[in-house]
Amino acid sequence: MALSRLTTVACSAALLMFGAAAQAAGNTGEVRSNFQQERASCAHVPEASRAPCLREAGAAAQAARNGQLTSPGDSTYQQNAMARCEVFKTQQDKADCQARMRNSAASGSVEGGGVLREATTLVPASR
């Protein structure tokens, strides 16, 4: 189940990328070409994920033809990152989370199971 969900997410991300390029081009020929590429990429996903992949390809092509396909800007990503910190109860925990989102290096990948951010906080030893 996790592999199927991961495959669907990866396929959807690829479709959004292709769709955004199609919308930016604004050319019907390019929309059709991108749709054909998306359909071809669906052939490489597991059988259980193929039908949703093809539906996403069709939906992305239709949205691109209608000028409705957009990609979020950097500010949207930043807002989403900060919103994830709202789960913490204390102000200190929230502030630490926000610092990690803004300043720390990230490792890992979505495909690998998640992006990890690490920060080191020095705490003086009690005497």
Protein backbone atom coordinates (compact mmCIF):
# COMPACT_ATOMS: atom_id res chain seq x y z
CA MET A 1 0.00 0.00 0.00
CA ALA A 2 2.81 2.43 0.88
CA LEU A 3 4.56 1.70 -2.43
CA SER A 4 1.34 2.32 -4.35
CA ARG A 5 0.77 5.62 -2.53
CA LEU A 6 4.39 6.66 -3.13
CA THR A 7 4.09 5.77 -6.80
CA THR A 8 0.88 7.75 -7.11
CA VAL A 9 2.46 10.77 -5.40
CA ALA A 10 5.55 10.54 -7.63
CA CYS A 11 3.38 10.21 -10.72
CA SER A 12 1.23 13.18 -9.68
CA ALA A 13 4.32 15.30 -9.07
CA ALA A 14 5.64 14.45 -12.51
CA LEU A 15 2.28 15.26 -14.05
CA LEU A 16 2.15 18.63 -12.32
CA MET A 17 5.63 19.42 -13.55
CA PHE A 18 4.71 18.53 -17.13
CA GLY A 19 1.40 20.34 -16.81
CA ALA A 20 3.01 23.52 -15.52
CA ALA A 21 5.36 23.50 -18.48
CA ALA A 22 2.41 23.02 -20.82
CA GLN A 23 0.52 25.93 -19.31
CA ALA A 24 3.55 28.19 -19.49
CA ALA A 25 3.93 27.35 -23.15
CA GLY A 26 0.25 28.01 -23.82
CA ASN A 27 0.57 26.03 -27.05
CA THR A 28 -2.03 23.37 -27.87
CA GLY A 29 0.60 21.32 -29.71
CA GLU A 30 2.83 21.36 -26.65
CA VAL A 31 -0.09 20.44 -24.40
CA ARG A 32 -0.77 17.44 -26.62
CA SER A 33 2.91 16.50 -26.69
CA ASN A 34 3.21 16.75 -22.91
CA PHE A 35 0.04 14.68 -22.52
CA GLN A 36 1.56 11.96 -24.69
CA GLN A 37 4.74 12.02 -22.56
CA GLU A 38 2.68 11.79 -19.38
CA ARG A 39 0.72 8.83 -20.75
CA ALA A 40 3.98 7.12 -21.69
CA SER A 41 5.36 7.67 -18.18
CA CYS A 42 2.22 6.04 -16.76
CA ALA A 43 3.22 2.81 -18.52
CA HIS A 44 6.16 2.55 -16.12
CA VAL A 45 4.14 2.60 -12.89
CA PRO A 46 2.70 -0.51 -11.20
CA GLU A 47 -0.57 -1.81 -12.63
CA ALA A 48 -2.57 -0.68 -9.57
CA SER A 49 -1.42 2.91 -10.04
CA ARG A 50 -1.77 3.07 -13.82
CA ALA A 51 -5.44 4.08 -14.00
CA PRO A 52 -5.06 6.98 -11.52
CA CYS A 53 -1.92 8.08 -13.38
CA LEU A 54 -3.79 8.18 -16.68
CA ARG A 55 -6.68 10.10 -15.09
CA GLU A 56 -4.21 12.64 -13.69
CA ALA A 57 -2.57 12.99 -17.10
CA GLY A 58 -5.94 13.72 -18.69
CA ALA A 59 -6.93 16.16 -15.97
CA ALA A 60 -3.60 17.99 -16.23
CA ALA A 61 -3.94 18.28 -20.01
CA GLN A 62 -7.49 19.61 -19.71
CA ALA A 63 -6.45 22.14 -17.06
CA ALA A 64 -3.51 23.24 -19.23
CA ARG A 65 -5.81 23.76 -22.23
CA ASN A 66 -8.13 25.88 -20.05
CA GLY A 67 -5.29 27.91 -18.55
CA GLN A 68 -6.07 26.62 -15.06
CA LEU A 69 -2.84 24.80 -14.35
CA THR A 70 -0.63 26.74 -12.00
CA SER A 71 2.34 25.99 -9.85
CA PRO A 72 2.73 27.48 -6.39
CA GLY A 73 5.35 30.13 -5.82
CA ASP A 74 8.12 30.19 -3.24
CA SER A 75 5.96 32.14 -0.79
CA THR A 76 3.39 29.33 -0.79
CA TYR A 77 6.06 26.77 0.06
CA GLN A 78 7.38 29.00 2.85
CA GLN A 79 3.88 29.48 4.27
CA ASN A 80 3.28 25.72 4.23
CA ALA A 81 6.59 25.08 5.98
CA MET A 82 5.74 27.56 8.74
CA ALA A 83 2.22 26.14 9.10
CA ARG A 84 3.73 22.74 9.91
CA CYS A 85 5.30 24.29 12.99
CA GLU A 86 1.88 25.19 14.44
CA VAL A 87 1.55 21.66 15.83
CA PHE A 88 4.02 22.46 18.62
CA LYS A 89 2.52 23.55 21.93
CA THR A 90 5.22 25.79 23.40
CA GLN A 91 6.57 28.97 21.86
CA GLN A 92 10.13 27.65 22.18
CA ASP A 93 9.28 24.49 20.23
CA LYS A 94 7.55 26.56 17.54
CA ALA A 95 10.50 28.93 17.31
CA ASP A 96 12.93 25.99 17.03
CA CYS A 97 10.80 24.46 14.29
CA GLN A 98 10.66 27.73 12.35
CA ALA A 99 14.44 28.11 12.67
CA ARG A 100 14.89 24.61 11.25
CA MET A 101 12.62 25.44 8.33
CA ARG A 102 14.47 28.65 7.53
CA ASN A 103 18.10 27.89 8.28
CA SER A 104 18.98 24.23 8.45
CA ALA A 105 20.26 21.96 5.73
CA ALA A 106 17.90 19.28 4.51
CA SER A 107 18.76 15.68 3.71
CA GLY A 108 16.77 12.79 2.32
CA SER A 109 14.01 12.84 -0.25
CA VAL A 110 10.28 12.40 -0.49
CA GLU A 111 10.89 9.22 -2.47
CA GLY A 112 13.16 7.95 0.30
CA GLY A 113 10.52 8.51 2.95
CA GLY A 114 10.96 12.11 3.98
CA VAL A 115 13.10 15.20 4.09
CA LEU A 116 14.97 15.56 7.37
CA ARG A 117 16.06 18.87 8.84
CA GLU A 118 18.49 18.98 11.74
CA ALA A 119 19.54 21.76 14.05
CA THR A 120 21.82 21.78 17.05
CA THR A 121 20.86 23.76 20.14
CA LEU A 122 23.51 24.32 22.78
CA VAL A 123 22.18 24.02 26.31
CA PRO A 124 24.47 25.05 29.18
CA ALA A 125 25.20 22.31 31.66
CA SER A 126 23.62 22.71 35.06
CA ARG A 127 26.08 23.05 37.93
